[in-house]
Amino acid sequence: MKHTRKIELAQWQQELVDQDPRPLLRGLIHSDGCRALNRAYGTKYPPYPRYEFTNASADIRTIFTRACDAIGVEWRPSRPRVISVARRPSVAILDSFIGPKA
């Protein structure tokens, strides 16, 4: 199955990501992610924006989270195949360069 095979960046790709991980993150969010309002029903908290990235491949999720770490974006797994970015400063960082899906 596709999600069980080894996936890693080639050396030249890793060098580009090391220089600037934002284009990689933008592409990953546009392909396998979303930005939505999280609604905590039954609480006093208003809805707040968050990003979610979903992928069956642990390797691709690791590539995503390492790129997030490189630019100071806090993330956490919210479900087995989902990475969530919900803290306001981290959402603001992603908002600064991701933009709407094309």
PDB file of N, CA and C in Angstrom:
ATOM      1  N   MET A   1       0.841  -1.185   0.000  1.00  0.00           N
ATOM      2  CA  MET A   1       0.000   0.000   0.000  1.00  0.00           C
ATOM      3  C   MET A   1       0.882   1.244   0.000  1.00  0.00           C
ATOM      4  N   LYS A   2       0.372   2.285  -0.633  1.00  0.00           N
ATOM      5  CA  LYS A   2       1.161   3.495  -0.823  1.00  0.00           C
ATOM      6  C   LYS A   2       1.612   4.118   0.501  1.00  0.00           C
ATOM      7  N   HIS A   3       0.742   4.160   1.496  1.00  0.00           N
ATOM      8  CA  HIS A   3       1.087   4.832   2.743  1.00  0.00           C
ATOM      9  C   HIS A   3       2.064   4.036   3.623  1.00  0.00           C
ATOM     10  N   THR A   4       2.378   2.800   3.242  1.00  0.00           N
ATOM     11  CA  THR A   4       3.306   2.001   4.050  1.00  0.00           C
ATOM     12  C   THR A   4       4.734   2.022   3.521  1.00  0.00           C
ATOM     13  N   ARG A   5       4.951   2.538   2.308  1.00  0.00           N
ATOM     14  CA  ARG A   5       6.315   2.563   1.778  1.00  0.00           C
ATOM     15  C   ARG A   5       7.073   3.773   2.331  1.00  0.00           C
ATOM     16  N   LYS A   6       8.392   3.672   2.325  1.00  0.00           N
ATOM     17  CA  LYS A   6       9.259   4.722   2.850  1.00  0.00           C
ATOM     18  C   LYS A   6       9.187   5.961   1.959  1.00  0.00           C
ATOM     19  N   ILE A   7       8.971   7.112   2.587  1.00  0.00           N
ATOM     20  CA  ILE A   7       8.940   8.379   1.875  1.00  0.00           C
ATOM     21  C   ILE A   7       9.912   9.322   2.570  1.00  0.00           C
ATOM     22  N   GLU A   8      10.846   9.850   1.787  1.00  0.00           N
ATOM     23  CA  GLU A   8      11.791  10.814   2.344  1.00  0.00           C
ATOM     24  C   GLU A   8      12.179  11.812   1.263  1.00  0.00           C
ATOM     25  N   LEU A   9      12.617  12.978   1.707  1.00  0.00           N
ATOM     26  CA  LEU A   9      13.043  13.998   0.764  1.00  0.00           C
ATOM     27  C   LEU A   9      14.437  13.665   0.247  1.00  0.00           C
ATOM     28  N   ALA A  10      14.665  13.919  -1.045  1.00  0.00           N
ATOM     29  CA  ALA A  10      16.006  13.790  -1.609  1.00  0.00           C
ATOM     30  C   ALA A  10      16.879  14.896  -1.001  1.00  0.00           C
ATOM     31  N   GLN A  11      18.173  14.730  -1.081  1.00  0.00           N
ATOM     32  CA  GLN A  11      19.093  15.702  -0.476  1.00  0.00           C
ATOM     33  C   GLN A  11      18.819  17.124  -0.979  1.00  0.00           C
ATOM     34  N   TRP A  12      18.641  17.286  -2.308  1.00  0.00           N
ATOM     35  CA  TRP A  12      18.412  18.620  -2.851  1.00  0.00           C
ATOM     36  C   TRP A  12      17.086  19.197  -2.373  1.00  0.00           C
ATOM     37  N   GLN A  13      16.080  18.327  -2.167  1.00  0.00           N
ATOM     38  CA  GLN A  13      14.797  18.784  -1.658  1.00  0.00           C
ATOM     39  C   GLN A  13      14.931  19.239  -0.203  1.00  0.00           C
ATOM     40  N   GLN A  14      15.671  18.444   0.586  1.00  0.00           N
ATOM     41  CA  GLN A  14      15.867  18.788   1.989  1.00  0.00           C
ATOM     42  C   GLN A  14      16.618  20.112   2.128  1.00  0.00           C
ATOM     43  N   GLU A  15      17.570  20.346   1.237  1.00  0.00           N
ATOM     44  CA  GLU A  15      18.306  21.611   1.266  1.00  0.00           C
ATOM     45  C   GLU A  15      17.372  22.798   1.017  1.00  0.00           C
ATOM     46  N   LEU A  16      16.451  22.650   0.076  1.00  0.00           N
ATOM     47  CA  LEU A  16      15.477  23.711  -0.188  1.00  0.00           C
ATOM     48  C   LEU A  16      14.559  23.929   1.018  1.00  0.00           C
ATOM     49  N   VAL A  17      14.113  22.842   1.632  1.00  0.00           N
ATOM     50  CA  VAL A  17      13.235  22.950   2.800  1.00  0.00           C
ATOM     51  C   VAL A  17      13.992  23.578   3.968  1.00  0.00           C
ATOM     52  N   ASP A  18      15.265  23.238   4.110  1.00  0.00           N
ATOM     53  CA  ASP A  18      16.070  23.837   5.179  1.00  0.00           C
ATOM     54  C   ASP A  18      16.212  25.345   4.996  1.00  0.00           C
ATOM     55  N   GLN A  19      16.297  25.793   3.738  1.00  0.00           N
ATOM     56  CA  GLN A  19      16.403  27.229   3.455  1.00  0.00           C
ATOM     57  C   GLN A  19      15.100  27.952   3.764  1.00  0.00           C
ATOM     58  N   ASP A  20      13.978  27.357   3.369  1.00  0.00           N
ATOM     59  CA  ASP A  20      12.669  27.975   3.585  1.00  0.00           C
ATOM     60  C   ASP A  20      11.587  26.895   3.537  1.00  0.00           C
ATOM     61  N   PRO A  21      11.085  26.467   4.695  1.00  0.00           N
ATOM     62  CA  PRO A  21      10.066  25.404   4.714  1.00  0.00           C
ATOM     63  C   PRO A  21       8.654  25.873   4.348  1.00  0.00           C
ATOM     64  N   ARG A  22       8.459  27.166   4.199  1.00  0.00           N
ATOM     65  CA  ARG A  22       7.099  27.678   3.945  1.00  0.00           C
ATOM     66  C   ARG A  22       6.469  27.157   2.654  1.00  0.00           C
ATOM     67  N   PRO A  23       7.179  27.116   1.518  1.00  0.00           N
ATOM     68  CA  PRO A  23       6.532  26.562   0.315  1.00  0.00           C
ATOM     69  C   PRO A  23       6.100  25.097   0.473  1.00  0.00           C
ATOM     70  N   LEU A  24       6.896  24.321   1.165  1.00  0.00           N
ATOM     71  CA  LEU A  24       6.511  22.925   1.425  1.00  0.00           C
ATOM     72  C   LEU A  24       5.244  22.876   2.264  1.00  0.00           C
ATOM     73  N   LEU A  25       5.207  23.647   3.334  1.00  0.00           N
ATOM     74  CA  LEU A  25       4.023  23.656   4.196  1.00  0.00           C
ATOM     75  C   LEU A  25       2.787  24.124   3.434  1.00  0.00           C
ATOM     76  N   ARG A  26       2.947  25.154   2.608  1.00  0.00           N
ATOM     77  CA  ARG A  26       1.818  25.640   1.810  1.00  0.00           C
ATOM     78  C   ARG A  26       1.294  24.524   0.907  1.00  0.00           C
ATOM     79  N   GLY A  27       2.184  23.828   0.232  1.00  0.00           N
ATOM     80  CA  GLY A  27       1.773  22.749  -0.654  1.00  0.00           C
ATOM     81  C   GLY A  27       1.117  21.601   0.087  1.00  0.00           C
ATOM     82  N   LEU A  28       1.657  21.238   1.238  1.00  0.00           N
ATOM     83  CA  LEU A  28       1.071  20.142   2.012  1.00  0.00           C
ATOM     84  C   LEU A  28      -0.321  20.506   2.525  1.00  0.00           C
ATOM     85  N   ILE A  29      -0.480  21.729   3.020  1.00  0.00           N
ATOM     86  CA  ILE A  29      -1.803  22.156   3.492  1.00  0.00           C
ATOM     87  C   ILE A  29      -2.787  22.222   2.329  1.00  0.00           C
ATOM     88  N   HIS A  30      -2.340  22.745   1.188  1.00  0.00           N
ATOM     89  CA  HIS A  30      -3.246  22.838   0.037  1.00  0.00           C
ATOM     90  C   HIS A  30      -3.638  21.461  -0.489  1.00  0.00           C
ATOM     91  N   SER A  31      -2.757  20.469  -0.342  1.00  0.00           N
ATOM     92  CA  SER A  31      -3.092  19.145  -0.867  1.00  0.00           C
ATOM     93  C   SER A  31      -3.825  18.268   0.148  1.00  0.00           C
ATOM     94  N   ASP A  32      -3.376  18.269   1.394  1.00  0.00           N
ATOM     95  CA  ASP A  32      -3.938  17.345   2.391  1.00  0.00           C
ATOM     96  C   ASP A  32      -4.343  18.027   3.692  1.00  0.00           C
ATOM     97  N   GLY A  33      -4.619  19.309   3.634  1.00  0.00           N
ATOM     98  CA  GLY A  33      -4.945  20.024   4.859  1.00  0.00           C
ATOM     99  C   GLY A  33      -6.131  20.941   4.690  1.00  0.00           C
ATOM    100  N   CYS A  34      -6.455  21.635   5.770  1.00  0.00           N
ATOM    101  CA  CYS A  34      -7.538  22.607   5.736  1.00  0.00           C
ATOM    102  C   CYS A  34      -7.365  23.610   6.870  1.00  0.00           C
ATOM    103  N   ARG A  35      -8.033  24.744   6.707  1.00  0.00           N
ATOM    104  CA  ARG A  35      -8.143  25.730   7.773  1.00  0.00           C
ATOM    105  C   ARG A  35      -9.624  25.875   8.043  1.00  0.00           C
ATOM    106  N   ALA A  36     -10.014  25.715   9.277  1.00  0.00           N
ATOM    107  CA  ALA A  36     -11.429  25.748   9.626  1.00  0.00           C
ATOM    108  C   ALA A  36     -11.600  26.347  11.010  1.00  0.00           C
ATOM    109  N   LEU A  37     -12.839  26.668  11.342  1.00  0.00           N
ATOM    110  CA  LEU A  37     -13.152  27.124  12.687  1.00  0.00           C
ATOM    111  C   LEU A  37     -13.442  25.912  13.555  1.00  0.00           C
ATOM    112  N   ASN A  38     -12.763  25.841  14.669  1.00  0.00           N
ATOM    113  CA  ASN A  38     -13.018  24.771  15.629  1.00  0.00           C
ATOM    114  C   ASN A  38     -14.065  25.285  16.614  1.00  0.00           C
ATOM    115  N   ARG A  39     -15.115  24.540  16.743  1.00  0.00           N
ATOM    116  CA  ARG A  39     -16.196  24.928  17.646  1.00  0.00           C
ATOM    117  C   ARG A  39     -16.216  23.969  18.829  1.00  0.00           C
ATOM    118  N   ALA A  40     -15.988  24.514  19.999  1.00  0.00           N
ATOM    119  CA  ALA A  40     -16.027  23.713  21.224  1.00  0.00           C
ATOM    120  C   ALA A  40     -17.426  23.846  21.809  1.00  0.00           C
ATOM    121  N   TYR A  41     -18.318  23.006  21.356  1.00  0.00           N
ATOM    122  CA  TYR A  41     -19.707  23.080  21.788  1.00  0.00           C
ATOM    123  C   TYR A  41     -19.821  22.793  23.275  1.00  0.00           C
ATOM    124  N   GLY A  42     -20.744  23.495  23.909  1.00  0.00           N
ATOM    125  CA  GLY A  42     -20.991  23.268  25.326  1.00  0.00           C
ATOM    126  C   GLY A  42     -19.981  23.969  26.225  1.00  0.00           C
ATOM    127  N   THR A  43     -19.143  24.842  25.662  1.00  0.00           N
ATOM    128  CA  THR A  43     -18.183  25.578  26.484  1.00  0.00           C
ATOM    129  C   THR A  43     -18.407  27.069  26.286  1.00  0.00           C
ATOM    130  N   LYS A  44     -17.731  27.850  27.100  1.00  0.00           N
ATOM    131  CA  LYS A  44     -17.841  29.302  26.993  1.00  0.00           C
ATOM    132  C   LYS A  44     -16.920  29.872  25.914  1.00  0.00           C
ATOM    133  N   TYR A  45     -16.101  29.026  25.296  1.00  0.00           N
ATOM    134  CA  TYR A  45     -15.116  29.497  24.338  1.00  0.00           C
ATOM    135  C   TYR A  45     -15.733  29.697  22.953  1.00  0.00           C
ATOM    136  N   PRO A  46     -15.426  30.835  22.341  1.00  0.00           N
ATOM    137  CA  PRO A  46     -15.931  31.061  20.973  1.00  0.00           C
ATOM    138  C   PRO A  46     -15.154  30.209  19.969  1.00  0.00           C
ATOM    139  N   PRO A  47     -15.697  30.042  18.771  1.00  0.00           N
ATOM    140  CA  PRO A  47     -14.973  29.293  17.737  1.00  0.00           C
ATOM    141  C   PRO A  47     -13.619  29.962  17.452  1.00  0.00           C
ATOM    142  N   TYR A  48     -12.635  29.157  17.120  1.00  0.00           N
ATOM    143  CA  TYR A  48     -11.313  29.690  16.810  1.00  0.00           C
ATOM    144  C   TYR A  48     -10.749  28.951  15.599  1.00  0.00           C
ATOM    145  N   PRO A  49      -9.919  29.638  14.785  1.00  0.00           N
ATOM    146  CA  PRO A  49      -9.373  28.994  13.590  1.00  0.00           C
ATOM    147  C   PRO A  49      -8.271  28.006  13.941  1.00  0.00           C
ATOM    148  N   ARG A  50      -8.177  26.969  13.136  1.00  0.00           N
ATOM    149  CA  ARG A  50      -7.077  26.026  13.276  1.00  0.00           C
ATOM    150  C   ARG A  50      -6.811  25.387  11.918  1.00  0.00           C
ATOM    151  N   TYR A  51      -5.621  24.852  11.798  1.00  0.00           N
ATOM    152  CA  TYR A  51      -5.240  24.086  10.617  1.00  0.00           C
ATOM    153  C   TYR A  51      -5.198  22.621  10.997  1.00  0.00           C
ATOM    154  N   GLU A  52      -5.575  21.783  10.044  1.00  0.00           N
ATOM    155  CA  GLU A  52      -5.415  20.346  10.212  1.00  0.00           C
ATOM    156  C   GLU A  52      -4.746  19.783   8.966  1.00  0.00           C
ATOM    157  N   PHE A  53      -3.803  18.891   9.191  1.00  0.00           N
ATOM    158  CA  PHE A  53      -3.128  18.195   8.104  1.00  0.00           C
ATOM    159  C   PHE A  53      -3.376  16.715   8.317  1.00  0.00           C
ATOM    160  N   THR A  54      -3.918  16.039   7.310  1.00  0.00           N
ATOM    161  CA  THR A  54      -4.264  14.623   7.406  1.00  0.00           C
ATOM    162  C   THR A  54      -3.534  13.844   6.333  1.00  0.00           C
ATOM    163  N   ASN A  55      -2.823  12.792   6.753  1.00  0.00           N
ATOM    164  CA  ASN A  55      -2.159  11.921   5.797  1.00  0.00           C
ATOM    165  C   ASN A  55      -1.946  10.561   6.439  1.00  0.00           C
ATOM    166  N   ALA A  56      -2.157   9.510   5.670  1.00  0.00           N
ATOM    167  CA  ALA A  56      -1.997   8.151   6.188  1.00  0.00           C
ATOM    168  C   ALA A  56      -0.534   7.795   6.405  1.00  0.00           C
ATOM    169  N   SER A  57       0.379   8.455   5.699  1.00  0.00           N
ATOM    170  CA  SER A  57       1.802   8.135   5.788  1.00  0.00           C
ATOM    171  C   SER A  57       2.451   8.817   6.986  1.00  0.00           C
ATOM    172  N   ALA A  58       3.014   8.032   7.877  1.00  0.00           N
ATOM    173  CA  ALA A  58       3.740   8.587   9.022  1.00  0.00           C
ATOM    174  C   ALA A  58       4.944   9.390   8.556  1.00  0.00           C
ATOM    175  N   ASP A  59       5.583   8.972   7.461  1.00  0.00           N
ATOM    176  CA  ASP A  59       6.731   9.705   6.933  1.00  0.00           C
ATOM    177  C   ASP A  59       6.335  11.106   6.487  1.00  0.00           C
ATOM    178  N   ILE A  60       5.224  11.228   5.793  1.00  0.00           N
ATOM    179  CA  ILE A  60       4.776  12.543   5.333  1.00  0.00           C
ATOM    180  C   ILE A  60       4.350  13.410   6.511  1.00  0.00           C
ATOM    181  N   ARG A  61       3.710  12.822   7.501  1.00  0.00           N
ATOM    182  CA  ARG A  61       3.355  13.599   8.704  1.00  0.00           C
ATOM    183  C   ARG A  61       4.621  14.094   9.400  1.00  0.00           C
ATOM    184  N   THR A  62       5.663  13.285   9.419  1.00  0.00           N
ATOM    185  CA  THR A  62       6.935  13.701  10.025  1.00  0.00           C
ATOM    186  C   THR A  62       7.576  14.836   9.238  1.00  0.00           C
ATOM    187  N   ILE A  63       7.552  14.758   7.919  1.00  0.00           N
ATOM    188  CA  ILE A  63       8.066  15.849   7.086  1.00  0.00           C
ATOM    189  C   ILE A  63       7.303  17.134   7.410  1.00  0.00           C
ATOM    190  N   PHE A  64       5.988  17.042   7.530  1.00  0.00           N
ATOM    191  CA  PHE A  64       5.156  18.206   7.859  1.00  0.00           C
ATOM    192  C   PHE A  64       5.523  18.773   9.233  1.00  0.00           C
ATOM    193  N   THR A  65       5.614  17.926  10.237  1.00  0.00           N
ATOM    194  CA  THR A  65       5.867  18.428  11.594  1.00  0.00           C
ATOM    195  C   THR A  65       7.285  18.990  11.739  1.00  0.00           C
ATOM    196  N   ARG A  66       8.251  18.424  11.044  1.00  0.00           N
ATOM    197  CA  ARG A  66       9.615  18.986  11.086  1.00  0.00           C
ATOM    198  C   ARG A  66       9.653  20.366  10.446  1.00  0.00           C
ATOM    199  N   ALA A  67       8.915  20.544   9.362  1.00  0.00           N
ATOM    200  CA  ALA A  67       8.842  21.859   8.723  1.00  0.00           C
ATOM    201  C   ALA A  67       8.157  22.860   9.663  1.00  0.00           C
ATOM    202  N   CYS A  68       7.121  22.423  10.354  1.00  0.00           N
ATOM    203  CA  CYS A  68       6.473  23.288  11.344  1.00  0.00           C
ATOM    204  C   CYS A  68       7.455  23.681  12.446  1.00  0.00           C
ATOM    205  N   ASP A  69       8.181  22.715  12.953  1.00  0.00           N
ATOM    206  CA  ASP A  69       9.170  22.991  14.002  1.00  0.00           C
ATOM    207  C   ASP A  69      10.195  24.025  13.543  1.00  0.00           C
ATOM    208  N   ALA A  70      10.585  23.946  12.282  1.00  0.00           N
ATOM    209  CA  ALA A  70      11.629  24.828  11.753  1.00  0.00           C
ATOM    210  C   ALA A  70      11.215  26.299  11.762  1.00  0.00           C
ATOM    211  N   ILE A  71       9.907  26.580  11.691  1.00  0.00           N
ATOM    212  CA  ILE A  71       9.466  27.975  11.693  1.00  0.00           C
ATOM    213  C   ILE A  71       8.717  28.344  12.972  1.00  0.00           C
ATOM    214  N   GLY A  72       8.778  27.489  13.979  1.00  0.00           N
ATOM    215  CA  GLY A  72       8.193  27.806  15.273  1.00  0.00           C
ATOM    216  C   GLY A  72       6.699  27.604  15.387  1.00  0.00           C
ATOM    217  N   VAL A  73       6.136  26.750  14.548  1.00  0.00           N
ATOM    218  CA  VAL A  73       4.703  26.450  14.605  1.00  0.00           C
ATOM    219  C   VAL A  73       4.480  25.281  15.562  1.00  0.00           C
ATOM    220  N   GLU A  74       3.661  25.519  16.586  1.00  0.00           N
ATOM    221  CA  GLU A  74       3.326  24.457  17.539  1.00  0.00           C
ATOM    222  C   GLU A  74       2.220  23.591  16.953  1.00  0.00           C
ATOM    223  N   TRP A  75       2.368  22.292  17.080  1.00  0.00           N
ATOM    224  CA  TRP A  75       1.416  21.340  16.524  1.00  0.00           C
ATOM    225  C   TRP A  75       1.219  20.220  17.525  1.00  0.00           C
ATOM    226  N   ARG A  76       0.182  19.427  17.280  1.00  0.00           N
ATOM    227  CA  ARG A  76      -0.030  18.213  18.073  1.00  0.00           C
ATOM    228  C   ARG A  76      -0.882  17.248  17.263  1.00  0.00           C
ATOM    229  N   PRO A  77      -0.703  15.966  17.500  1.00  0.00           N
ATOM    230  CA  PRO A  77      -1.595  15.005  16.833  1.00  0.00           C
ATOM    231  C   PRO A  77      -2.974  15.081  17.495  1.00  0.00           C
ATOM    232  N   SER A  78      -4.013  15.202  16.685  1.00  0.00           N
ATOM    233  CA  SER A  78      -5.353  15.247  17.263  1.00  0.00           C
ATOM    234  C   SER A  78      -6.088  13.926  17.092  1.00  0.00           C
ATOM    235  N   ARG A  79      -5.710  13.188  16.072  1.00  0.00           N
ATOM    236  CA  ARG A  79      -6.216  11.834  15.826  1.00  0.00           C
ATOM    237  C   ARG A  79      -5.061  11.058  15.209  1.00  0.00           C
ATOM    238  N   PRO A  80      -5.185   9.761  15.051  1.00  0.00           N
ATOM    239  CA  PRO A  80      -4.031   8.968  14.586  1.00  0.00           C
ATOM    240  C   PRO A  80      -3.376   9.465  13.293  1.00  0.00           C
ATOM    241  N   ARG A  81      -4.119  10.005  12.353  1.00  0.00           N
ATOM    242  CA  ARG A  81      -3.534  10.440  11.074  1.00  0.00           C
ATOM    243  C   ARG A  81      -3.617  11.943  10.867  1.00  0.00           C
ATOM    244  N   VAL A  82      -3.925  12.679  11.940  1.00  0.00           N
ATOM    245  CA  VAL A  82      -4.188  14.117  11.814  1.00  0.00           C
ATOM    246  C   VAL A  82      -3.259  14.922  12.727  1.00  0.00           C
ATOM    247  N   ILE A  83      -2.661  15.962  12.145  1.00  0.00           N
ATOM    248  CA  ILE A  83      -1.854  16.922  12.893  1.00  0.00           C
ATOM    249  C   ILE A  83      -2.654  18.213  12.978  1.00  0.00           C
ATOM    250  N   SER A  84      -2.780  18.764  14.172  1.00  0.00           N
ATOM    251  CA  SER A  84      -3.557  19.971  14.395  1.00  0.00           C
ATOM    252  C   SER A  84      -2.636  21.121  14.793  1.00  0.00           C
ATOM    253  N   VAL A  85      -2.905  22.291  14.230  1.00  0.00           N
ATOM    254  CA  VAL A  85      -2.234  23.528  14.621  1.00  0.00           C
ATOM    255  C   VAL A  85      -3.341  24.462  15.073  1.00  0.00           C
ATOM    256  N   ALA A  86      -3.435  24.709  16.386  1.00  0.00           N
ATOM    257  CA  ALA A  86      -4.567  25.461  16.907  1.00  0.00           C
ATOM    258  C   ALA A  86      -4.175  26.655  17.773  1.00  0.00           C
ATOM    259  N   ARG A  87      -2.955  26.750  18.218  1.00  0.00           N
ATOM    260  CA  ARG A  87      -2.570  27.903  19.047  1.00  0.00           C
ATOM    261  C   ARG A  87      -2.528  29.162  18.185  1.00  0.00           C
ATOM    262  N   ARG A  88      -3.084  30.243  18.708  1.00  0.00           N
ATOM    263  CA  ARG A  88      -3.226  31.478  17.921  1.00  0.00           C
ATOM    264  C   ARG A  88      -1.929  31.942  17.266  1.00  0.00           C
ATOM    265  N   PRO A  89      -0.810  31.994  18.002  1.00  0.00           N
ATOM    266  CA  PRO A  89       0.424  32.458  17.346  1.00  0.00           C
ATOM    267  C   PRO A  89       0.853  31.544  16.192  1.00  0.00           C
ATOM    268  N   SER A  90       0.648  30.256  16.336  1.00  0.00           N
ATOM    269  CA  SER A  90       1.021  29.313  15.283  1.00  0.00           C
ATOM    270  C   SER A  90       0.095  29.426  14.077  1.00  0.00           C
ATOM    271  N   VAL A  91      -1.198  29.602  14.326  1.00  0.00           N
ATOM    272  CA  VAL A  91      -2.146  29.800  13.230  1.00  0.00           C
ATOM    273  C   VAL A  91      -1.789  31.085  12.483  1.00  0.00           C
ATOM    274  N   ALA A  92      -1.400  32.125  13.219  1.00  0.00           N
ATOM    275  CA  ALA A  92      -1.023  33.398  12.585  1.00  0.00           C
ATOM    276  C   ALA A  92       0.206  33.225  11.695  1.00  0.00           C
ATOM    277  N   ILE A  93       1.164  32.418  12.140  1.00  0.00           N
ATOM    278  CA  ILE A  93       2.351  32.163  11.310  1.00  0.00           C
ATOM    279  C   ILE A  93       1.924  31.505  10.000  1.00  0.00           C
ATOM    280  N   LEU A  94       1.096  30.468  10.087  1.00  0.00           N
ATOM    281  CA  LEU A  94       0.650  29.790   8.870  1.00  0.00           C
ATOM    282  C   LEU A  94      -0.203  30.716   8.000  1.00  0.00           C
ATOM    283  N   ASP A  95      -1.070  31.506   8.619  1.00  0.00           N
ATOM    284  CA  ASP A  95      -1.900  32.444   7.865  1.00  0.00           C
ATOM    285  C   ASP A  95      -1.053  33.435   7.068  1.00  0.00           C
ATOM    286  N   SER A  96       0.134  33.740   7.569  1.00  0.00           N
ATOM    287  CA  SER A  96       0.966  34.762   6.929  1.00  0.00           C
ATOM    288  C   SER A  96       1.473  34.356   5.545  1.00  0.00           C
ATOM    289  N   PHE A  97       1.440  33.043   5.228  1.00  0.00           N
ATOM    290  CA  PHE A  97       1.952  32.637   3.921  1.00  0.00           C
ATOM    291  C   PHE A  97       1.138  31.566   3.211  1.00  0.00           C
ATOM    292  N   ILE A  98       0.179  30.947   3.857  1.00  0.00           N
ATOM    293  CA  ILE A  98      -0.548  29.849   3.203  1.00  0.00           C
ATOM    294  C   ILE A  98      -1.575  30.366   2.206  1.00  0.00           C
ATOM    295  N   GLY A  99      -2.445  31.232   2.611  1.00  0.00           N
ATOM    296  CA  GLY A  99      -3.446  31.758   1.685  1.00  0.00           C
ATOM    297  C   GLY A  99      -4.504  30.740   1.338  1.00  0.00           C
ATOM    298  N   PRO A 100      -5.527  31.177   0.591  1.00  0.00           N
ATOM    299  CA  PRO A 100      -6.627  30.271   0.247  1.00  0.00           C
ATOM    300  C   PRO A 100      -6.200  29.195  -0.735  1.00  0.00           C
ATOM    301  N   LYS A 101      -6.900  28.068  -0.670  1.00  0.00           N
ATOM    302  CA  LYS A 101      -6.627  26.992  -1.645  1.00  0.00           C
ATOM    303  C   LYS A 101      -7.016  27.459  -3.030  1.00  0.00           C
ATOM    304  N   ALA A 102      -6.211  27.042  -3.982  1.00  0.00           N
ATOM    305  CA  ALA A 102      -6.488  27.448  -5.373  1.00  0.00           C
ATOM    306  C   ALA A 102      -7.483  26.511  -6.015  1.00  0.00           C
TER     307      ALA A 102
END
